[in-house]
Amino acid sequence: MNLTPPARKKARIEIIPLIDIIFFLLATFIMVSLSMTKNEGITVALPGASSGEKMDEKDKALTLSVNEKGDVFYNKEKVTLAQLPFKLQSYKSSTKDPRVVINGEGAAAYKHVAAVIDEVKKIGITKIALATKAK
C-alpha cells in the first residue's frame, strides 16, 4: 500500500486565449473610435493652403459645402441658394455662437463660393472659415 500523497500538478495559465481576447478588444476599440470621427458635410476635393490652422473639435460649426457643379450642401443636405437664408437663420437663432465652415471644392467656380459667403454674411454670421487641406 502506497501512503505517499499524489504529486501536485502546477497550475498553468493558458495565454493563447488571452491574446485572442486582447486583440479582439483592441480591434473593437479601434473600430469604435473610427466611427466616432465627425465628418460634417459632403466629401469635396479641398484646395491646399500652407497657412491653414486646425479647428478644435469642441468648436461646433455648421458646414456648408460647394461642389464643382455649384451645388450647395447644408451639412449633407442639398439646398438651393434660395433655401439657404432660411436654414442659416434657424441655425443662427438656435446657436449661441454661430460659426460656419465652408468646404469649397478646389475646382468650384469662385462665384458659387462667394455667393455662399454673401448669404452667410447677410444673415449676420461673422465667424466664417474656409476649409483647406495642408500642403
N, C-alpha and C. Protein backbone atom coordinates (compact mmCIF):
# COMPACT_ATOMS: atom_id res chain seq x y z
N MET A 1 0.83 -1.17 0.00
CA MET A 1 0.00 0.00 0.00
C MET A 1 0.89 1.24 0.00
N ASN A 2 0.56 2.15 -0.92
CA ASN A 2 1.35 3.36 -1.09
C ASN A 2 0.67 4.49 -0.33
N LEU A 3 1.35 5.05 0.67
CA LEU A 3 0.76 6.09 1.50
C LEU A 3 1.28 7.49 1.15
N THR A 4 2.02 7.60 0.13
CA THR A 4 2.52 8.92 -0.25
C THR A 4 1.42 9.69 -0.98
N PRO A 5 1.32 10.99 -0.70
CA PRO A 5 0.27 11.77 -1.38
C PRO A 5 0.60 11.92 -2.86
N PRO A 6 -0.43 12.04 -3.68
CA PRO A 6 -0.18 12.19 -5.12
C PRO A 6 0.54 13.53 -5.40
N ALA A 7 1.36 13.55 -6.41
CA ALA A 7 2.11 14.77 -6.76
C ALA A 7 1.15 15.84 -7.26
N ARG A 8 1.37 17.07 -6.80
CA ARG A 8 0.50 18.19 -7.22
C ARG A 8 0.95 18.70 -8.59
N LYS A 9 0.00 18.88 -9.44
CA LYS A 9 0.30 19.44 -10.75
C LYS A 9 0.36 20.95 -10.63
N LYS A 10 1.31 21.56 -11.35
CA LYS A 10 1.41 23.01 -11.33
C LYS A 10 0.29 23.60 -12.17
N ALA A 11 -0.27 24.71 -11.68
CA ALA A 11 -1.32 25.40 -12.43
C ALA A 11 -0.69 26.13 -13.60
N ARG A 12 -1.32 26.05 -14.76
CA ARG A 12 -0.82 26.73 -15.95
C ARG A 12 -1.84 27.76 -16.41
N ILE A 13 -1.36 28.89 -16.76
CA ILE A 13 -2.23 29.91 -17.33
C ILE A 13 -2.08 29.82 -18.84
N GLU A 14 -3.17 29.52 -19.49
CA GLU A 14 -3.14 29.43 -20.95
C GLU A 14 -3.18 30.86 -21.50
N ILE A 15 -2.14 31.25 -22.19
CA ILE A 15 -2.00 32.63 -22.64
C ILE A 15 -2.57 32.86 -24.04
N ILE A 16 -2.67 31.84 -24.85
CA ILE A 16 -3.16 32.00 -26.22
C ILE A 16 -4.59 32.53 -26.24
N PRO A 17 -5.53 31.99 -25.46
CA PRO A 17 -6.88 32.58 -25.47
C PRO A 17 -6.90 34.03 -24.95
N LEU A 18 -6.01 34.36 -24.03
CA LEU A 18 -5.96 35.73 -23.53
C LEU A 18 -5.47 36.70 -24.62
N ILE A 19 -4.52 36.25 -25.41
CA ILE A 19 -4.03 37.09 -26.51
C ILE A 19 -5.14 37.32 -27.52
N ASP A 20 -5.91 36.28 -27.81
CA ASP A 20 -7.03 36.43 -28.74
C ASP A 20 -8.04 37.45 -28.24
N ILE A 21 -8.34 37.40 -26.96
CA ILE A 21 -9.29 38.35 -26.38
C ILE A 21 -8.75 39.77 -26.43
N ILE A 22 -7.47 39.95 -26.13
CA ILE A 22 -6.87 41.28 -26.16
C ILE A 22 -6.91 41.85 -27.58
N PHE A 23 -6.59 41.05 -28.60
CA PHE A 23 -6.65 41.53 -29.97
C PHE A 23 -8.08 41.87 -30.39
N PHE A 24 -9.04 41.08 -29.95
CA PHE A 24 -10.44 41.38 -30.25
C PHE A 24 -10.85 42.70 -29.63
N LEU A 25 -10.50 42.93 -28.37
CA LEU A 25 -10.83 44.19 -27.71
C LEU A 25 -10.15 45.37 -28.38
N LEU A 26 -8.89 45.20 -28.77
CA LEU A 26 -8.16 46.26 -29.44
C LEU A 26 -8.83 46.62 -30.77
N ALA A 27 -9.19 45.61 -31.55
CA ALA A 27 -9.85 45.86 -32.82
C ALA A 27 -11.21 46.54 -32.61
N THR A 28 -11.93 46.14 -31.58
CA THR A 28 -13.23 46.75 -31.28
C THR A 28 -13.07 48.21 -30.93
N PHE A 29 -12.11 48.55 -30.08
CA PHE A 29 -11.90 49.94 -29.70
C PHE A 29 -11.46 50.79 -30.89
N ILE A 30 -10.66 50.24 -31.76
CA ILE A 30 -10.23 50.99 -32.94
C ILE A 30 -11.43 51.26 -33.85
N MET A 31 -12.27 50.27 -34.08
CA MET A 31 -13.44 50.46 -34.93
C MET A 31 -14.41 51.48 -34.33
N VAL A 32 -14.60 51.42 -33.03
CA VAL A 32 -15.50 52.38 -32.37
C VAL A 32 -14.93 53.78 -32.46
N SER A 33 -13.63 53.94 -32.24
CA SER A 33 -13.04 55.28 -32.29
C SER A 33 -13.07 55.84 -33.71
N LEU A 34 -12.92 55.01 -34.72
CA LEU A 34 -13.01 55.49 -36.09
C LEU A 34 -14.43 55.91 -36.46
N SER A 35 -15.41 55.23 -35.91
CA SER A 35 -16.79 55.59 -36.21
C SER A 35 -17.20 56.86 -35.48
N MET A 36 -16.44 57.28 -34.48
CA MET A 36 -16.75 58.50 -33.74
C MET A 36 -16.20 59.74 -34.44
N THR A 37 -15.41 59.57 -35.46
CA THR A 37 -14.86 60.71 -36.18
C THR A 37 -16.00 61.47 -36.84
N LYS A 38 -16.03 62.76 -36.57
CA LYS A 38 -17.13 63.57 -37.07
C LYS A 38 -16.79 64.09 -38.46
N ASN A 39 -17.64 63.80 -39.40
CA ASN A 39 -17.46 64.29 -40.76
C ASN A 39 -18.74 64.98 -41.17
N GLU A 40 -18.76 66.29 -40.99
CA GLU A 40 -19.91 67.06 -41.41
C GLU A 40 -19.74 67.42 -42.87
N GLY A 41 -20.81 67.53 -43.56
CA GLY A 41 -20.74 67.94 -44.96
C GLY A 41 -20.38 66.79 -45.88
N ILE A 42 -20.36 67.11 -47.15
CA ILE A 42 -20.03 66.10 -48.16
C ILE A 42 -18.53 66.11 -48.40
N THR A 43 -18.04 65.09 -49.05
CA THR A 43 -16.62 64.99 -49.36
C THR A 43 -16.34 65.77 -50.64
N VAL A 44 -15.45 66.73 -50.53
CA VAL A 44 -15.03 67.51 -51.70
C VAL A 44 -13.51 67.56 -51.73
N ALA A 45 -12.97 67.80 -52.91
CA ALA A 45 -11.51 67.93 -53.05
C ALA A 45 -11.12 69.36 -52.66
N LEU A 46 -10.66 69.52 -51.44
CA LEU A 46 -10.33 70.85 -50.92
C LEU A 46 -9.04 71.36 -51.54
N PRO A 47 -8.95 72.67 -51.72
CA PRO A 47 -7.68 73.23 -52.20
C PRO A 47 -6.65 73.21 -51.07
N GLY A 48 -5.38 73.24 -51.40
CA GLY A 48 -4.33 73.21 -50.40
C GLY A 48 -3.93 74.61 -49.97
N ALA A 49 -3.50 74.74 -48.71
CA ALA A 49 -3.01 76.01 -48.18
C ALA A 49 -2.00 75.70 -47.09
N SER A 50 -0.90 76.42 -47.10
CA SER A 50 0.12 76.18 -46.07
C SER A 50 -0.09 77.03 -44.83
N SER A 51 -0.98 78.01 -44.88
CA SER A 51 -1.20 78.89 -43.74
C SER A 51 -2.43 78.52 -42.93
N GLY A 52 -3.02 77.37 -43.20
CA GLY A 52 -4.23 76.97 -42.50
C GLY A 52 -3.98 76.61 -41.05
N GLU A 53 -5.02 76.74 -40.23
CA GLU A 53 -4.96 76.38 -38.82
C GLU A 53 -6.03 75.33 -38.54
N LYS A 54 -5.73 74.44 -37.61
CA LYS A 54 -6.70 73.41 -37.24
C LYS A 54 -7.75 74.01 -36.32
N MET A 55 -8.99 73.56 -36.52
CA MET A 55 -10.06 73.96 -35.61
C MET A 55 -10.14 72.95 -34.49
N ASP A 56 -10.52 73.41 -33.31
CA ASP A 56 -10.72 72.50 -32.19
C ASP A 56 -11.97 71.68 -32.44
N GLU A 57 -11.94 70.43 -31.98
CA GLU A 57 -13.11 69.56 -32.12
C GLU A 57 -14.28 70.08 -31.31
N LYS A 58 -13.99 70.81 -30.24
CA LYS A 58 -15.08 71.29 -29.39
C LYS A 58 -15.83 72.45 -30.03
N ASP A 59 -15.21 73.10 -31.02
CA ASP A 59 -15.88 74.19 -31.71
C ASP A 59 -16.93 73.62 -32.66
N LYS A 60 -18.18 73.83 -32.32
CA LYS A 60 -19.26 73.36 -33.17
C LYS A 60 -19.48 74.37 -34.27
N ALA A 61 -19.43 73.92 -35.49
CA ALA A 61 -19.61 74.81 -36.62
C ALA A 61 -20.49 74.14 -37.65
N LEU A 62 -21.28 74.94 -38.31
CA LEU A 62 -22.10 74.48 -39.42
C LEU A 62 -21.21 74.33 -40.65
N THR A 63 -21.40 73.28 -41.40
CA THR A 63 -20.59 73.05 -42.59
C THR A 63 -21.44 73.28 -43.84
N LEU A 64 -20.98 74.19 -44.66
CA LEU A 64 -21.59 74.42 -45.97
C LEU A 64 -20.58 73.97 -47.02
N SER A 65 -21.02 73.12 -47.94
CA SER A 65 -20.13 72.60 -48.96
C SER A 65 -20.58 73.07 -50.33
N VAL A 66 -19.61 73.37 -51.18
CA VAL A 66 -19.90 73.76 -52.56
C VAL A 66 -19.07 72.84 -53.44
N ASN A 67 -19.76 72.09 -54.32
CA ASN A 67 -19.02 71.17 -55.18
C ASN A 67 -18.70 71.84 -56.51
N GLU A 68 -18.08 71.08 -57.40
CA GLU A 68 -17.60 71.60 -58.68
C GLU A 68 -18.74 72.14 -59.55
N LYS A 69 -19.91 71.52 -59.45
CA LYS A 69 -21.06 71.94 -60.26
C LYS A 69 -21.74 73.19 -59.72
N GLY A 70 -21.38 73.60 -58.49
CA GLY A 70 -22.00 74.77 -57.89
C GLY A 70 -23.14 74.42 -56.95
N ASP A 71 -23.35 73.12 -56.69
CA ASP A 71 -24.39 72.69 -55.76
C ASP A 71 -23.96 73.05 -54.34
N VAL A 72 -24.92 73.49 -53.52
CA VAL A 72 -24.64 73.88 -52.14
C VAL A 72 -25.25 72.82 -51.22
N PHE A 73 -24.49 72.43 -50.19
CA PHE A 73 -24.95 71.43 -49.23
C PHE A 73 -24.88 72.02 -47.83
N TYR A 74 -25.99 71.93 -47.11
CA TYR A 74 -26.10 72.35 -45.71
C TYR A 74 -25.85 71.09 -44.89
N ASN A 75 -24.67 70.98 -44.28
CA ASN A 75 -24.15 69.72 -43.73
C ASN A 75 -24.15 68.71 -44.88
N LYS A 76 -25.04 67.75 -44.91
CA LYS A 76 -25.05 66.79 -46.03
C LYS A 76 -26.31 66.89 -46.86
N GLU A 77 -27.12 67.91 -46.58
CA GLU A 77 -28.39 68.08 -47.28
C GLU A 77 -28.24 69.10 -48.41
N LYS A 78 -28.63 68.72 -49.60
CA LYS A 78 -28.52 69.62 -50.75
C LYS A 78 -29.61 70.68 -50.64
N VAL A 79 -29.19 71.95 -50.75
CA VAL A 79 -30.13 73.07 -50.70
C VAL A 79 -29.83 74.01 -51.87
N THR A 80 -30.80 74.86 -52.17
CA THR A 80 -30.59 75.88 -53.19
C THR A 80 -30.17 77.17 -52.49
N LEU A 81 -29.68 78.12 -53.26
CA LEU A 81 -29.31 79.41 -52.67
C LEU A 81 -30.52 80.14 -52.12
N ALA A 82 -31.71 79.86 -52.65
CA ALA A 82 -32.93 80.48 -52.13
C ALA A 82 -33.31 79.91 -50.77
N GLN A 83 -33.02 78.63 -50.53
CA GLN A 83 -33.35 78.00 -49.25
C GLN A 83 -32.31 78.29 -48.17
N LEU A 84 -31.11 78.62 -48.59
CA LEU A 84 -30.00 78.80 -47.66
C LEU A 84 -30.25 79.86 -46.59
N PRO A 85 -30.80 81.04 -46.90
CA PRO A 85 -31.02 82.03 -45.84
C PRO A 85 -31.95 81.54 -44.73
N PHE A 86 -32.98 80.78 -45.07
CA PHE A 86 -33.90 80.26 -44.06
C PHE A 86 -33.20 79.26 -43.14
N LYS A 87 -32.38 78.39 -43.72
CA LYS A 87 -31.63 77.41 -42.93
C LYS A 87 -30.63 78.13 -42.02
N LEU A 88 -29.94 79.13 -42.59
CA LEU A 88 -28.94 79.86 -41.80
C LEU A 88 -29.60 80.64 -40.66
N GLN A 89 -30.76 81.21 -40.93
CA GLN A 89 -31.45 81.98 -39.88
C GLN A 89 -31.87 81.06 -38.74
N SER A 90 -32.37 79.87 -39.05
CA SER A 90 -32.75 78.93 -37.98
C SER A 90 -31.52 78.45 -37.22
N TYR A 91 -30.41 78.26 -37.93
CA TYR A 91 -29.16 77.87 -37.25
C TYR A 91 -28.68 78.98 -36.33
N LYS A 92 -28.74 80.22 -36.81
CA LYS A 92 -28.27 81.35 -36.00
C LYS A 92 -29.13 81.53 -34.76
N SER A 93 -30.44 81.36 -34.89
CA SER A 93 -31.32 81.55 -33.74
C SER A 93 -31.20 80.41 -32.73
N SER A 94 -30.78 79.23 -33.17
CA SER A 94 -30.68 78.09 -32.25
C SER A 94 -29.29 77.93 -31.64
N THR A 95 -28.31 78.72 -32.09
CA THR A 95 -26.94 78.58 -31.63
C THR A 95 -26.49 79.87 -30.96
N LYS A 96 -25.84 79.73 -29.82
CA LYS A 96 -25.36 80.90 -29.08
C LYS A 96 -24.23 81.60 -29.82
N ASP A 97 -23.27 80.84 -30.33
CA ASP A 97 -22.12 81.40 -31.03
C ASP A 97 -22.03 80.75 -32.41
N PRO A 98 -22.78 81.27 -33.41
CA PRO A 98 -22.81 80.61 -34.72
C PRO A 98 -21.49 80.75 -35.46
N ARG A 99 -21.02 79.61 -35.98
CA ARG A 99 -19.81 79.55 -36.79
C ARG A 99 -20.10 78.73 -38.04
N VAL A 100 -19.50 79.13 -39.14
CA VAL A 100 -19.73 78.43 -40.40
C VAL A 100 -18.38 78.08 -41.02
N VAL A 101 -18.26 76.83 -41.46
CA VAL A 101 -17.09 76.38 -42.21
C VAL A 101 -17.56 76.09 -43.62
N ILE A 102 -16.87 76.67 -44.59
CA ILE A 102 -17.24 76.47 -45.99
C ILE A 102 -16.23 75.55 -46.65
N ASN A 103 -16.72 74.40 -47.11
CA ASN A 103 -15.90 73.43 -47.84
C ASN A 103 -16.11 73.70 -49.32
N GLY A 104 -15.27 74.51 -49.90
CA GLY A 104 -15.38 74.80 -51.32
C GLY A 104 -14.42 73.91 -52.09
N GLU A 105 -14.96 73.14 -53.01
CA GLU A 105 -14.10 72.26 -53.81
C GLU A 105 -13.12 73.11 -54.61
N GLY A 106 -11.91 72.62 -54.77
CA GLY A 106 -10.87 73.38 -55.47
C GLY A 106 -11.26 73.75 -56.89
N ALA A 107 -12.02 72.90 -57.56
CA ALA A 107 -12.40 73.17 -58.95
C ALA A 107 -13.71 73.94 -59.05
N ALA A 108 -14.32 74.28 -57.91
CA ALA A 108 -15.58 75.03 -57.94
C ALA A 108 -15.33 76.46 -58.40
N ALA A 109 -16.29 76.99 -59.12
CA ALA A 109 -16.17 78.38 -59.57
C ALA A 109 -16.25 79.30 -58.36
N TYR A 110 -15.41 80.32 -58.38
CA TYR A 110 -15.33 81.25 -57.26
C TYR A 110 -16.66 81.95 -57.01
N LYS A 111 -17.45 82.17 -58.06
CA LYS A 111 -18.73 82.87 -57.90
C LYS A 111 -19.69 82.08 -57.01
N HIS A 112 -19.62 80.74 -57.04
CA HIS A 112 -20.51 79.93 -56.21
C HIS A 112 -20.11 80.03 -54.73
N VAL A 113 -18.80 79.97 -54.47
CA VAL A 113 -18.32 80.08 -53.09
C VAL A 113 -18.59 81.49 -52.57
N ALA A 114 -18.39 82.50 -53.40
CA ALA A 114 -18.65 83.89 -52.98
C ALA A 114 -20.13 84.11 -52.69
N ALA A 115 -21.01 83.47 -53.46
CA ALA A 115 -22.45 83.60 -53.22
C ALA A 115 -22.83 83.01 -51.86
N VAL A 116 -22.21 81.88 -51.51
CA VAL A 116 -22.49 81.26 -50.21
C VAL A 116 -21.98 82.16 -49.08
N ILE A 117 -20.77 82.69 -49.22
CA ILE A 117 -20.23 83.59 -48.20
C ILE A 117 -21.12 84.82 -48.06
N ASP A 118 -21.62 85.35 -49.17
CA ASP A 118 -22.51 86.51 -49.14
C ASP A 118 -23.79 86.22 -48.37
N GLU A 119 -24.37 85.04 -48.60
CA GLU A 119 -25.60 84.67 -47.90
C GLU A 119 -25.35 84.54 -46.39
N VAL A 120 -24.21 83.98 -46.03
CA VAL A 120 -23.88 83.82 -44.61
C VAL A 120 -23.73 85.19 -43.96
N LYS A 121 -23.05 86.10 -44.63
CA LYS A 121 -22.85 87.44 -44.07
C LYS A 121 -24.15 88.24 -44.00
N LYS A 122 -25.06 88.04 -44.96
CA LYS A 122 -26.35 88.73 -44.93
C LYS A 122 -27.15 88.37 -43.69
N ILE A 123 -27.03 87.15 -43.24
CA ILE A 123 -27.76 86.70 -42.05
C ILE A 123 -27.16 87.31 -40.79
N GLY A 124 -25.88 87.68 -40.85
CA GLY A 124 -25.24 88.30 -39.69
C GLY A 124 -24.25 87.38 -38.98
N ILE A 125 -23.90 86.28 -39.60
CA ILE A 125 -22.89 85.38 -39.02
C ILE A 125 -21.52 85.89 -39.48
N THR A 126 -20.68 86.23 -38.51
CA THR A 126 -19.39 86.83 -38.86
C THR A 126 -18.23 85.85 -38.74
N LYS A 127 -18.41 84.74 -38.05
CA LYS A 127 -17.34 83.77 -37.89
C LYS A 127 -17.43 82.74 -39.01
N ILE A 128 -16.65 82.99 -40.06
CA ILE A 128 -16.67 82.15 -41.25
C ILE A 128 -15.25 81.65 -41.49
N ALA A 129 -15.13 80.36 -41.78
CA ALA A 129 -13.83 79.77 -42.09
C ALA A 129 -13.93 79.03 -43.41
N LEU A 130 -12.84 79.04 -44.15
CA LEU A 130 -12.76 78.27 -45.39
C LEU A 130 -11.90 77.04 -45.12
N ALA A 131 -12.43 75.86 -45.40
CA ALA A 131 -11.72 74.61 -45.16
C ALA A 131 -10.69 74.39 -46.27
N THR A 132 -9.48 73.99 -45.87
CA THR A 132 -8.43 73.65 -46.81
C THR A 132 -7.73 72.40 -46.31
N LYS A 133 -6.93 71.81 -47.18
CA LYS A 133 -6.09 70.69 -46.74
C LYS A 133 -4.66 71.22 -46.64
N ALA A 134 -3.85 70.58 -45.82
CA ALA A 134 -2.47 71.02 -45.64
C ALA A 134 -1.65 70.74 -46.89
N LYS A 135 -0.79 71.67 -47.23
CA LYS A 135 0.10 71.48 -48.39
C LYS A 135 1.28 70.64 -47.98
